[in-house]
Amino acid sequence: RPVACPIAVPGDVHSALRGAGLLPDPFFGANETNVLWVGQREWTVSRDFAVDAALLREKAVVLRLEDVDTFCTVYVNGQKVGVTDNRFRRWEFDVKPFLREGANTVVGVFADVEETVRRLRAASPVTWQFASWMNGRVVGMCQVRKPQCHSGWDWGICQMVVGFCGDVRLIASDWRIDYVYTEQHFNRDRTHCDLDVIAE
């Protein structure tokens, strides 16, 4: 049956369901088993937002997602702008072509994590029969760039968390610097150094 409730961003589906009174405390009694269904279905998170003409005049507008957990297809005004598959990195998608002045909508469709892991496991050349590949309830979880403890460990319960767990923002600019790297070139006696600065 459909389930709907408000969700905070940053935030996750489990916390949203708990806050709305739709999920019992998973840490109480045997409730871990009673809430496994949350990690076994697809979830959609959406938000409406306004865009003004000044933003659209910028040379570039990207949607920056700081911490997405984990398998998410992102849409802006019904158009697919990107897919995420790794919680441990920042994602940016060029969204300027999809924005319009006035009302806009961003949607994240989070895949069923357990089903995604099963598909990856089935496609893998590795044989998943050894206990060493088990990091909790979900066999093959170690193939996924997601916190491994989400599938349960000896010290924690299984909660396949999904959501926008970090900042989500539009960034508009003509030019910007995201990353700066340096390379040091010392002279023979190490008394002087030339420094190369590389910026993206």
C-alpha atoms as a PDB file:
ATOM      1  CA  ARG A   1       0.000   0.000   0.000  1.00  0.00           C
ATOM      2  CA  PRO A   2       1.210   3.552  -0.631  1.00  0.00           C
ATOM      3  CA  VAL A   3       2.874   5.396   2.248  1.00  0.00           C
ATOM      4  CA  ALA A   4       3.410   9.169   2.209  1.00  0.00           C
ATOM      5  CA  CYS A   5       4.705  11.682   4.733  1.00  0.00           C
ATOM      6  CA  PRO A   6       6.880  14.810   4.972  1.00  0.00           C
ATOM      7  CA  ILE A   7      10.648  14.239   4.928  1.00  0.00           C
ATOM      8  CA  ALA A   8      13.448  16.523   6.053  1.00  0.00           C
ATOM      9  CA  VAL A   9      16.407  17.273   3.796  1.00  0.00           C
ATOM     10  CA  PRO A  10      18.987  16.442   4.966  1.00  0.00           C
ATOM     11  CA  GLY A  11      17.210  13.349   6.174  1.00  0.00           C
ATOM     12  CA  ASP A  12      16.236   9.760   5.472  1.00  0.00           C
ATOM     13  CA  VAL A  13      13.062   7.753   4.923  1.00  0.00           C
ATOM     14  CA  HIS A  14      13.286   5.780   8.179  1.00  0.00           C
ATOM     15  CA  SER A  15      13.446   8.995  10.235  1.00  0.00           C
ATOM     16  CA  ALA A  16      10.590  10.538   8.248  1.00  0.00           C
ATOM     17  CA  LEU A  17       8.360   7.503   8.789  1.00  0.00           C
ATOM     18  CA  ARG A  18       9.203   7.447  12.501  1.00  0.00           C
ATOM     19  CA  GLY A  19       8.445  11.169  12.799  1.00  0.00           C
ATOM     20  CA  ALA A  20       5.074  10.669  11.102  1.00  0.00           C
ATOM     21  CA  GLY A  21       4.139   7.798  13.429  1.00  0.00           C
ATOM     22  CA  LEU A  22       4.175   5.298  10.547  1.00  0.00           C
ATOM     23  CA  LEU A  23       7.043   3.159  11.838  1.00  0.00           C
ATOM     24  CA  PRO A  24       7.592   1.608  15.264  1.00  0.00           C
ATOM     25  CA  ASP A  25      10.903   2.072  17.070  1.00  0.00           C
ATOM     26  CA  PRO A  26      13.164  -0.389  15.195  1.00  0.00           C
ATOM     27  CA  PHE A  27      15.425  -0.719  18.255  1.00  0.00           C
ATOM     28  CA  PHE A  28      12.619  -1.980  20.505  1.00  0.00           C
ATOM     29  CA  GLY A  29      11.974  -5.694  20.964  1.00  0.00           C
ATOM     30  CA  ALA A  30      11.780  -7.585  17.654  1.00  0.00           C
ATOM     31  CA  ASN A  31      10.843  -4.510  15.627  1.00  0.00           C
ATOM     32  CA  GLU A  32      13.974  -4.788  13.472  1.00  0.00           C
ATOM     33  CA  THR A  33      12.180  -7.574  11.587  1.00  0.00           C
ATOM     34  CA  ASN A  34       8.933  -5.598  11.458  1.00  0.00           C
ATOM     35  CA  VAL A  35      10.539  -2.618   9.683  1.00  0.00           C
ATOM     36  CA  LEU A  36      12.673  -4.443   7.090  1.00  0.00           C
ATOM     37  CA  TRP A  37      10.030  -3.618   4.461  1.00  0.00           C
ATOM     38  CA  VAL A  38      11.286  -0.011   4.380  1.00  0.00           C
ATOM     39  CA  GLY A  39      14.532  -1.120   2.727  1.00  0.00           C
ATOM     40  CA  GLN A  40      12.722  -3.417   0.322  1.00  0.00           C
ATOM     41  CA  ARG A  41      10.822  -0.881  -1.739  1.00  0.00           C
ATOM     42  CA  GLU A  42      11.292   2.156  -3.946  1.00  0.00           C
ATOM     43  CA  TRP A  43      10.873   5.617  -2.398  1.00  0.00           C
ATOM     44  CA  THR A  44      10.219   8.980  -4.026  1.00  0.00           C
ATOM     45  CA  VAL A  45      11.253  12.288  -2.464  1.00  0.00           C
ATOM     46  CA  SER A  46      10.064  15.517  -4.111  1.00  0.00           C
ATOM     47  CA  ARG A  47      10.131  19.239  -3.521  1.00  0.00           C
ATOM     48  CA  ASP A  48       8.809  22.301  -5.327  1.00  0.00           C
ATOM     49  CA  PHE A  49      11.037  25.368  -5.546  1.00  0.00           C
ATOM     50  CA  ALA A  50      11.047  28.737  -7.274  1.00  0.00           C
ATOM     51  CA  VAL A  51      13.601  30.021  -9.794  1.00  0.00           C
ATOM     52  CA  ASP A  52      13.952  33.674 -10.727  1.00  0.00           C
ATOM     53  CA  ALA A  53      15.165  35.192 -13.985  1.00  0.00           C
ATOM     54  CA  ALA A  54      18.494  36.248 -12.455  1.00  0.00           C
ATOM     55  CA  LEU A  55      19.432  32.637 -11.732  1.00  0.00           C
ATOM     56  CA  LEU A  56      18.619  31.616 -15.282  1.00  0.00           C
ATOM     57  CA  ARG A  57      20.916  34.336 -16.647  1.00  0.00           C
ATOM     58  CA  GLU A  58      23.952  32.695 -15.012  1.00  0.00           C
ATOM     59  CA  LYS A  59      26.320  30.807 -17.292  1.00  0.00           C
ATOM     60  CA  ALA A  60      25.941  27.540 -15.371  1.00  0.00           C
ATOM     61  CA  VAL A  61      23.486  26.136 -12.835  1.00  0.00           C
ATOM     62  CA  VAL A  62      24.206  22.804 -11.171  1.00  0.00           C
ATOM     63  CA  LEU A  63      22.280  20.738  -8.656  1.00  0.00           C
ATOM     64  CA  ARG A  64      24.782  19.728  -5.959  1.00  0.00           C
ATOM     65  CA  LEU A  65      23.993  16.691  -3.792  1.00  0.00           C
ATOM     66  CA  GLU A  66      26.456  16.322  -0.940  1.00  0.00           C
ATOM     67  CA  ASP A  67      25.413  12.943   0.480  1.00  0.00           C
ATOM     68  CA  VAL A  68      22.924  10.726  -1.353  1.00  0.00           C
ATOM     69  CA  ASP A  69      22.138   7.316   0.090  1.00  0.00           C
ATOM     70  CA  THR A  70      22.476   5.620  -2.379  1.00  0.00           C
ATOM     71  CA  PHE A  71      20.787   4.507  -5.635  1.00  0.00           C
ATOM     72  CA  CYS A  72      18.824   7.513  -6.795  1.00  0.00           C
ATOM     73  CA  THR A  73      17.547   8.769 -10.142  1.00  0.00           C
ATOM     74  CA  VAL A  74      17.108  12.534 -10.092  1.00  0.00           C
ATOM     75  CA  TYR A  75      14.554  14.458 -12.165  1.00  0.00           C
ATOM     76  CA  VAL A  76      13.983  18.194 -12.586  1.00  0.00           C
ATOM     77  CA  ASN A  77      10.608  19.173 -14.029  1.00  0.00           C
ATOM     78  CA  GLY A  78      10.084  15.605 -15.214  1.00  0.00           C
ATOM     79  CA  GLN A  79      13.437  15.383 -17.030  1.00  0.00           C
ATOM     80  CA  LYS A  80      16.099  12.916 -15.877  1.00  0.00           C
ATOM     81  CA  VAL A  81      19.250  14.828 -14.903  1.00  0.00           C
ATOM     82  CA  GLY A  82      21.373  12.100 -13.310  1.00  0.00           C
ATOM     83  CA  VAL A  83      21.792   8.871 -11.365  1.00  0.00           C
ATOM     84  CA  THR A  84      23.721   8.280  -8.137  1.00  0.00           C
ATOM     85  CA  ASP A  85      25.211   4.996  -6.933  1.00  0.00           C
ATOM     86  CA  ASN A  86      27.792   5.942  -4.295  1.00  0.00           C
ATOM     87  CA  ARG A  87      27.112   7.536  -0.925  1.00  0.00           C
ATOM     88  CA  PHE A  88      30.730   8.488  -0.369  1.00  0.00           C
ATOM     89  CA  ARG A  89      31.051  11.232  -2.965  1.00  0.00           C
ATOM     90  CA  ARG A  90      29.523  14.529  -4.011  1.00  0.00           C
ATOM     91  CA  TRP A  91      27.246  14.562  -7.048  1.00  0.00           C
ATOM     92  CA  GLU A  92      26.631  17.494  -9.388  1.00  0.00           C
ATOM     93  CA  PHE A  93      24.266  17.621 -12.339  1.00  0.00           C
ATOM     94  CA  ASP A  94      23.874  20.371 -14.922  1.00  0.00           C
ATOM     95  CA  VAL A  95      20.242  21.426 -14.556  1.00  0.00           C
ATOM     96  CA  LYS A  96      20.131  24.781 -16.329  1.00  0.00           C
ATOM     97  CA  PRO A  97      18.499  23.311 -19.481  1.00  0.00           C
ATOM     98  CA  PHE A  98      15.663  21.913 -17.356  1.00  0.00           C
ATOM     99  CA  LEU A  99      14.869  24.924 -15.177  1.00  0.00           C
ATOM    100  CA  ARG A 100      12.196  27.502 -15.918  1.00  0.00           C
ATOM    101  CA  GLU A 101      11.321  30.812 -14.356  1.00  0.00           C
ATOM    102  CA  GLY A 102       8.806  30.398 -11.549  1.00  0.00           C
ATOM    103  CA  ALA A 103       7.708  27.028 -10.153  1.00  0.00           C
ATOM    104  CA  ASN A 104       9.980  23.987 -10.544  1.00  0.00           C
ATOM    105  CA  THR A 105      10.050  20.476  -9.080  1.00  0.00           C
ATOM    106  CA  VAL A 106      12.948  18.205  -8.165  1.00  0.00           C
ATOM    107  CA  VAL A 107      12.315  14.497  -7.601  1.00  0.00           C
ATOM    108  CA  GLY A 108      14.610  11.759  -6.346  1.00  0.00           C
ATOM    109  CA  VAL A 109      13.522   8.155  -6.925  1.00  0.00           C
ATOM    110  CA  PHE A 110      15.443   5.848  -4.592  1.00  0.00           C
ATOM    111  CA  ALA A 111      15.751   2.255  -5.768  1.00  0.00           C
ATOM    112  CA  ASP A 112      15.027  -0.790  -3.606  1.00  0.00           C
ATOM    113  CA  VAL A 113      18.496  -1.291  -2.094  1.00  0.00           C
ATOM    114  CA  GLU A 114      18.161  -5.015  -1.409  1.00  0.00           C
ATOM    115  CA  GLU A 115      16.969  -5.708  -4.960  1.00  0.00           C
ATOM    116  CA  THR A 116      19.813  -3.594  -6.369  1.00  0.00           C
ATOM    117  CA  VAL A 117      22.351  -5.586  -4.325  1.00  0.00           C
ATOM    118  CA  ARG A 118      20.793  -8.865  -5.547  1.00  0.00           C
ATOM    119  CA  ARG A 119      21.139  -7.726  -9.170  1.00  0.00           C
ATOM    120  CA  LEU A 120      24.773  -6.716  -8.644  1.00  0.00           C
ATOM    121  CA  ARG A 121      25.488 -10.013  -6.920  1.00  0.00           C
ATOM    122  CA  ALA A 122      23.928 -12.003  -9.755  1.00  0.00           C
ATOM    123  CA  ALA A 123      26.044 -10.133 -12.313  1.00  0.00           C
ATOM    124  CA  SER A 124      29.275 -10.602 -10.345  1.00  0.00           C
ATOM    125  CA  PRO A 125      31.864 -13.272 -11.180  1.00  0.00           C
ATOM    126  CA  VAL A 126      32.456 -13.738  -7.430  1.00  0.00           C
ATOM    127  CA  THR A 127      30.847 -16.750  -5.728  1.00  0.00           C
ATOM    128  CA  TRP A 128      28.804 -15.450  -2.801  1.00  0.00           C
ATOM    129  CA  GLN A 129      28.699 -18.650  -0.735  1.00  0.00           C
ATOM    130  CA  PHE A 130      31.321 -17.829   1.881  1.00  0.00           C
ATOM    131  CA  ALA A 131      30.423 -16.380   5.258  1.00  0.00           C
ATOM    132  CA  SER A 132      33.185 -13.784   4.823  1.00  0.00           C
ATOM    133  CA  TRP A 133      31.015 -12.059   2.189  1.00  0.00           C
ATOM    134  CA  MET A 134      28.200 -11.619   4.688  1.00  0.00           C
ATOM    135  CA  ASN A 135      28.060  -8.185   6.286  1.00  0.00           C
ATOM    136  CA  GLY A 136      24.688  -8.682   7.911  1.00  0.00           C
ATOM    137  CA  ARG A 137      21.348  -9.679   6.422  1.00  0.00           C
ATOM    138  CA  VAL A 138      22.092  -8.721   2.803  1.00  0.00           C
ATOM    139  CA  VAL A 139      24.503 -11.044   0.996  1.00  0.00           C
ATOM    140  CA  GLY A 140      26.882  -9.171  -1.304  1.00  0.00           C
ATOM    141  CA  MET A 141      26.456  -5.808   0.421  1.00  0.00           C
ATOM    142  CA  CYS A 142      30.230  -5.315   0.211  1.00  0.00           C
ATOM    143  CA  GLN A 143      29.814  -4.575  -3.525  1.00  0.00           C
ATOM    144  CA  VAL A 144      27.844  -1.431  -2.741  1.00  0.00           C
ATOM    145  CA  ARG A 145      29.294   2.002  -1.936  1.00  0.00           C
ATOM    146  CA  LYS A 146      26.985   2.453   1.051  1.00  0.00           C
ATOM    147  CA  PRO A 147      27.619   2.176   4.813  1.00  0.00           C
ATOM    148  CA  GLN A 148      28.000  -1.562   5.344  1.00  0.00           C
ATOM    149  CA  CYS A 149      26.425  -1.452   8.795  1.00  0.00           C
ATOM    150  CA  HIS A 150      23.074  -0.556   7.215  1.00  0.00           C
ATOM    151  CA  SER A 151      22.538  -4.252   6.468  1.00  0.00           C
ATOM    152  CA  GLY A 152      23.125  -5.092  10.125  1.00  0.00           C
ATOM    153  CA  TRP A 153      26.221  -6.157  12.015  1.00  0.00           C
ATOM    154  CA  ASP A 154      26.760  -7.859  15.344  1.00  0.00           C
ATOM    155  CA  TRP A 155      26.381  -4.500  17.099  1.00  0.00           C
ATOM    156  CA  GLY A 156      23.590  -2.958  15.026  1.00  0.00           C
ATOM    157  CA  ILE A 157      20.272  -3.697  13.399  1.00  0.00           C
ATOM    158  CA  CYS A 158      19.499  -3.822   9.685  1.00  0.00           C
ATOM    159  CA  GLN A 159      18.081  -0.517   8.397  1.00  0.00           C
ATOM    160  CA  MET A 160      18.557   0.049   4.674  1.00  0.00           C
ATOM    161  CA  VAL A 161      18.470   3.827   4.944  1.00  0.00           C
ATOM    162  CA  VAL A 162      17.765   5.909   1.833  1.00  0.00           C
ATOM    163  CA  GLY A 163      17.511   9.657   1.414  1.00  0.00           C
ATOM    164  CA  PHE A 164      19.242  12.954   0.766  1.00  0.00           C
ATOM    165  CA  CYS A 165      21.425  12.784   3.876  1.00  0.00           C
ATOM    166  CA  GLY A 166      23.469  15.913   3.107  1.00  0.00           C
ATOM    167  CA  ASP A 167      22.913  19.367   1.671  1.00  0.00           C
ATOM    168  CA  VAL A 168      21.000  19.769  -1.591  1.00  0.00           C
ATOM    169  CA  ARG A 169      21.463  23.081  -3.364  1.00  0.00           C
ATOM    170  CA  LEU A 170      21.431  24.888  -6.669  1.00  0.00           C
ATOM    171  CA  ILE A 171      24.731  26.595  -7.474  1.00  0.00           C
ATOM    172  CA  ALA A 172      24.757  29.246 -10.165  1.00  0.00           C
ATOM    173  CA  SER A 173      27.952  30.843 -11.448  1.00  0.00           C
ATOM    174  CA  ASP A 174      29.855  32.191 -14.408  1.00  0.00           C
ATOM    175  CA  TRP A 175      33.060  30.588 -13.132  1.00  0.00           C
ATOM    176  CA  ARG A 176      33.967  28.726  -9.963  1.00  0.00           C
ATOM    177  CA  ILE A 177      36.807  26.733  -8.448  1.00  0.00           C
ATOM    178  CA  ASP A 178      35.847  23.383  -6.953  1.00  0.00           C
ATOM    179  CA  TYR A 179      39.141  21.622  -6.301  1.00  0.00           C
ATOM    180  CA  VAL A 180      42.695  22.888  -5.861  1.00  0.00           C
ATOM    181  CA  TYR A 181      45.744  20.617  -6.000  1.00  0.00           C
ATOM    182  CA  THR A 182      49.400  21.475  -5.510  1.00  0.00           C
ATOM    183  CA  GLU A 183      52.641  19.897  -6.680  1.00  0.00           C
ATOM    184  CA  GLN A 184      55.928  20.787  -4.960  1.00  0.00           C
ATOM    185  CA  HIS A 185      59.251  20.774  -6.828  1.00  0.00           C
ATOM    186  CA  PHE A 186      62.213  21.180  -4.475  1.00  0.00           C
ATOM    187  CA  ASN A 187      65.709  22.096  -5.549  1.00  0.00           C
ATOM    188  CA  ARG A 188      68.574  19.685  -4.877  1.00  0.00           C
ATOM    189  CA  ASP A 189      69.403  20.907  -1.346  1.00  0.00           C
ATOM    190  CA  ARG A 190      65.734  21.416  -0.496  1.00  0.00           C
ATOM    191  CA  THR A 191      66.103  25.101   0.303  1.00  0.00           C
ATOM    192  CA  HIS A 192      63.669  26.327  -2.339  1.00  0.00           C
ATOM    193  CA  CYS A 193      60.458  25.021  -3.805  1.00  0.00           C
ATOM    194  CA  ASP A 194      58.497  25.777  -6.936  1.00  0.00           C
ATOM    195  CA  LEU A 195      54.811  25.246  -6.451  1.00  0.00           C
ATOM    196  CA  ASP A 196      52.375  24.301  -9.211  1.00  0.00           C
ATOM    197  CA  VAL A 197      48.739  25.019  -8.429  1.00  0.00           C
ATOM    198  CA  ILE A 198      46.116  23.137 -10.410  1.00  0.00           C
ATOM    199  CA  ALA A 199      42.516  24.225 -10.100  1.00  0.00           C
ATOM    200  CA  GLU A 200      39.336  22.701 -11.464  1.00  0.00           C
END
